[in-house]
Amino acid sequence: MEVYIHNPEATMGKYCLECNGKILVGPKKYCSDYCRSTYNSKLNKDNKNLIRNINNRLRKNYRTLEELNPDGKTKTTKSRLLDKEFDFEYITNTYTTKKGTTYFFLYDRYRLPPFG
């Protein structure tokens, strides 16, 4: 026994995921570049405030370290970092030596020594 499945999209055409406009040609999801861009912007937007706030904090910390370290290898103090509103809660990595000393990293460039 043969069963035929009716696919309304196949006969009626597809519709744009953003504006629901009819797509006339090809296997597309969007009717225009504008709709594709708008849809993906909404989809990829940092709709979670937590993620956006963390990324902003990390970015601000990174800029602070760049400002205090223009030559690539500069020592600074915790008080100078605090004066620049560096937030020690936001780092990207840690490394603990065999002796138990923990170093804090911000992305790949900056190592912060342990502060007492």
C-alpha atoms as a PDB file:
ATOM      1  CA  MET A   1       0.000   0.000   0.000  1.00  0.00           C
ATOM      2  CA  GLU A   2       1.430   3.382  -0.982  1.00  0.00           C
ATOM      3  CA  VAL A   3       0.953   6.408   1.216  1.00  0.00           C
ATOM      4  CA  TYR A   4       1.233   9.897  -0.202  1.00  0.00           C
ATOM      5  CA  ILE A   5       2.198  12.659   2.163  1.00  0.00           C
ATOM      6  CA  HIS A   6       1.108  16.107   1.184  1.00  0.00           C
ATOM      7  CA  ASN A   7       3.743  18.747   1.828  1.00  0.00           C
ATOM      8  CA  PRO A   8       2.087  22.171   1.657  1.00  0.00           C
ATOM      9  CA  GLU A   9       5.459  23.931   1.459  1.00  0.00           C
ATOM     10  CA  ALA A  10       6.304  22.069  -1.718  1.00  0.00           C
ATOM     11  CA  THR A  11       3.203  23.285  -3.504  1.00  0.00           C
ATOM     12  CA  MET A  12       2.664  26.677  -1.902  1.00  0.00           C
ATOM     13  CA  GLY A  13       6.291  27.824  -1.671  1.00  0.00           C
ATOM     14  CA  LYS A  14       8.361  28.550   1.378  1.00  0.00           C
ATOM     15  CA  TYR A  15       8.055  31.540   3.649  1.00  0.00           C
ATOM     16  CA  CYS A  16      10.723  33.819   5.045  1.00  0.00           C
ATOM     17  CA  LEU A  17      11.641  33.081   8.660  1.00  0.00           C
ATOM     18  CA  GLU A  18      11.788  36.807   9.450  1.00  0.00           C
ATOM     19  CA  CYS A  19       8.889  38.489   7.658  1.00  0.00           C
ATOM     20  CA  ASN A  20       6.838  35.477   6.495  1.00  0.00           C
ATOM     21  CA  GLY A  21       7.048  36.774   2.935  1.00  0.00           C
ATOM     22  CA  LYS A  22       6.855  34.167   0.207  1.00  0.00           C
ATOM     23  CA  ILE A  23      10.171  32.881  -1.140  1.00  0.00           C
ATOM     24  CA  LEU A  24       9.837  32.410  -4.868  1.00  0.00           C
ATOM     25  CA  VAL A  25      13.083  30.714  -5.875  1.00  0.00           C
ATOM     26  CA  GLY A  26      15.538  28.185  -4.512  1.00  0.00           C
ATOM     27  CA  PRO A  27      15.957  26.456  -1.181  1.00  0.00           C
ATOM     28  CA  LYS A  28      16.181  29.616   0.890  1.00  0.00           C
ATOM     29  CA  LYS A  29      15.135  30.505   4.416  1.00  0.00           C
ATOM     30  CA  TYR A  30      14.901  34.267   3.892  1.00  0.00           C
ATOM     31  CA  CYS A  31      13.465  36.465   1.165  1.00  0.00           C
ATOM     32  CA  SER A  32      16.322  39.005   1.315  1.00  0.00           C
ATOM     33  CA  ASP A  33      19.707  39.761   2.836  1.00  0.00           C
ATOM     34  CA  TYR A  34      17.996  42.268   5.103  1.00  0.00           C
ATOM     35  CA  CYS A  35      15.663  39.596   6.521  1.00  0.00           C
ATOM     36  CA  ARG A  36      18.547  37.142   6.936  1.00  0.00           C
ATOM     37  CA  SER A  37      20.617  39.729   8.771  1.00  0.00           C
ATOM     38  CA  THR A  38      17.720  40.855  10.964  1.00  0.00           C
ATOM     39  CA  TYR A  39      16.750  37.295  11.869  1.00  0.00           C
ATOM     40  CA  ASN A  40      20.328  36.287  12.741  1.00  0.00           C
ATOM     41  CA  SER A  41      20.877  39.487  14.722  1.00  0.00           C
ATOM     42  CA  LYS A  42      17.839  38.679  16.838  1.00  0.00           C
ATOM     43  CA  LEU A  43      18.926  35.069  17.191  1.00  0.00           C
ATOM     44  CA  ASN A  44      22.528  35.840  18.131  1.00  0.00           C
ATOM     45  CA  LYS A  45      21.830  38.901  20.234  1.00  0.00           C
ATOM     46  CA  ASP A  46      23.147  38.651  23.760  1.00  0.00           C
ATOM     47  CA  ASN A  47      19.619  38.295  24.999  1.00  0.00           C
ATOM     48  CA  LYS A  48      20.927  37.078  28.295  1.00  0.00           C
ATOM     49  CA  ASN A  49      22.076  40.055  30.293  1.00  0.00           C
ATOM     50  CA  LEU A  50      24.461  37.866  32.244  1.00  0.00           C
ATOM     51  CA  ILE A  51      26.513  36.956  29.163  1.00  0.00           C
ATOM     52  CA  ARG A  52      26.569  40.514  27.855  1.00  0.00           C
ATOM     53  CA  ASN A  53      27.573  41.923  31.250  1.00  0.00           C
ATOM     54  CA  ILE A  54      30.375  39.381  31.723  1.00  0.00           C
ATOM     55  CA  ASN A  55      31.763  40.081  28.258  1.00  0.00           C
ATOM     56  CA  ASN A  56      31.650  43.821  28.896  1.00  0.00           C
ATOM     57  CA  ARG A  57      33.441  43.396  32.226  1.00  0.00           C
ATOM     58  CA  LEU A  58      36.174  41.229  30.658  1.00  0.00           C
ATOM     59  CA  ARG A  59      36.590  43.761  27.848  1.00  0.00           C
ATOM     60  CA  LYS A  60      36.923  46.620  30.338  1.00  0.00           C
ATOM     61  CA  ASN A  61      39.514  44.679  32.374  1.00  0.00           C
ATOM     62  CA  TYR A  62      41.464  43.935  29.197  1.00  0.00           C
ATOM     63  CA  ARG A  63      41.488  47.602  28.165  1.00  0.00           C
ATOM     64  CA  THR A  64      42.646  48.570  31.652  1.00  0.00           C
ATOM     65  CA  LEU A  65      45.582  46.163  31.435  1.00  0.00           C
ATOM     66  CA  GLU A  66      46.464  47.387  27.949  1.00  0.00           C
ATOM     67  CA  GLU A  67      46.466  50.966  29.199  1.00  0.00           C
ATOM     68  CA  LEU A  68      48.740  50.131  32.147  1.00  0.00           C
ATOM     69  CA  ASN A  69      51.010  47.942  30.019  1.00  0.00           C
ATOM     70  CA  PRO A  70      51.845  49.813  26.791  1.00  0.00           C
ATOM     71  CA  ASP A  71      55.285  48.185  26.385  1.00  0.00           C
ATOM     72  CA  GLY A  72      54.160  44.601  26.886  1.00  0.00           C
ATOM     73  CA  LYS A  73      55.862  43.855  30.195  1.00  0.00           C
ATOM     74  CA  THR A  74      55.070  46.187  33.037  1.00  0.00           C
ATOM     75  CA  LYS A  75      54.580  45.613  36.725  1.00  0.00           C
ATOM     76  CA  THR A  76      51.758  47.329  38.548  1.00  0.00           C
ATOM     77  CA  THR A  77      50.110  47.274  41.939  1.00  0.00           C
ATOM     78  CA  LYS A  78      46.716  46.105  43.060  1.00  0.00           C
ATOM     79  CA  SER A  79      45.847  49.656  44.140  1.00  0.00           C
ATOM     80  CA  ARG A  80      46.575  51.013  40.627  1.00  0.00           C
ATOM     81  CA  LEU A  81      44.332  48.347  39.139  1.00  0.00           C
ATOM     82  CA  LEU A  82      41.592  49.165  41.632  1.00  0.00           C
ATOM     83  CA  ASP A  83      41.960  52.883  40.827  1.00  0.00           C
ATOM     84  CA  LYS A  84      41.231  51.979  37.187  1.00  0.00           C
ATOM     85  CA  GLU A  85      38.192  49.951  38.341  1.00  0.00           C
ATOM     86  CA  PHE A  86      39.744  46.598  37.465  1.00  0.00           C
ATOM     87  CA  ASP A  87      37.385  43.841  38.604  1.00  0.00           C
ATOM     88  CA  PHE A  88      39.346  40.910  39.998  1.00  0.00           C
ATOM     89  CA  GLU A  89      36.279  38.668  39.832  1.00  0.00           C
ATOM     90  CA  TYR A  90      36.458  38.596  36.038  1.00  0.00           C
ATOM     91  CA  ILE A  91      39.405  36.669  34.620  1.00  0.00           C
ATOM     92  CA  THR A  92      39.535  34.005  31.923  1.00  0.00           C
ATOM     93  CA  ASN A  93      42.012  31.444  33.245  1.00  0.00           C
ATOM     94  CA  THR A  94      44.132  30.456  36.217  1.00  0.00           C
ATOM     95  CA  TYR A  95      47.401  28.564  36.520  1.00  0.00           C
ATOM     96  CA  THR A  96      48.676  27.017  39.737  1.00  0.00           C
ATOM     97  CA  THR A  97      52.362  26.183  40.005  1.00  0.00           C
ATOM     98  CA  LYS A  98      53.737  23.079  41.714  1.00  0.00           C
ATOM     99  CA  LYS A  99      54.547  25.273  44.706  1.00  0.00           C
ATOM    100  CA  GLY A 100      50.889  26.266  44.944  1.00  0.00           C
ATOM    101  CA  THR A 101      51.158  29.828  43.622  1.00  0.00           C
ATOM    102  CA  THR A 102      48.144  30.753  41.520  1.00  0.00           C
ATOM    103  CA  TYR A 103      48.427  33.170  38.608  1.00  0.00           C
ATOM    104  CA  PHE A 104      45.422  34.781  37.010  1.00  0.00           C
ATOM    105  CA  PHE A 105      45.118  35.387  33.276  1.00  0.00           C
ATOM    106  CA  LEU A 106      42.953  37.596  31.155  1.00  0.00           C
ATOM    107  CA  TYR A 107      42.754  35.991  27.751  1.00  0.00           C
ATOM    108  CA  ASP A 108      46.190  35.185  26.361  1.00  0.00           C
ATOM    109  CA  ARG A 109      48.230  38.263  27.146  1.00  0.00           C
ATOM    110  CA  TYR A 110      48.100  39.197  30.760  1.00  0.00           C
ATOM    111  CA  ARG A 111      49.252  37.409  33.857  1.00  0.00           C
ATOM    112  CA  LEU A 112      48.328  38.812  37.194  1.00  0.00           C
ATOM    113  CA  PRO A 113      50.443  37.748  40.156  1.00  0.00           C
ATOM    114  CA  PRO A 114      48.636  36.755  43.301  1.00  0.00           C
ATOM    115  CA  PHE A 115      47.835  39.736  45.447  1.00  0.00           C
ATOM    116  CA  GLY A 116      47.740  39.420  49.221  1.00  0.00           C
END
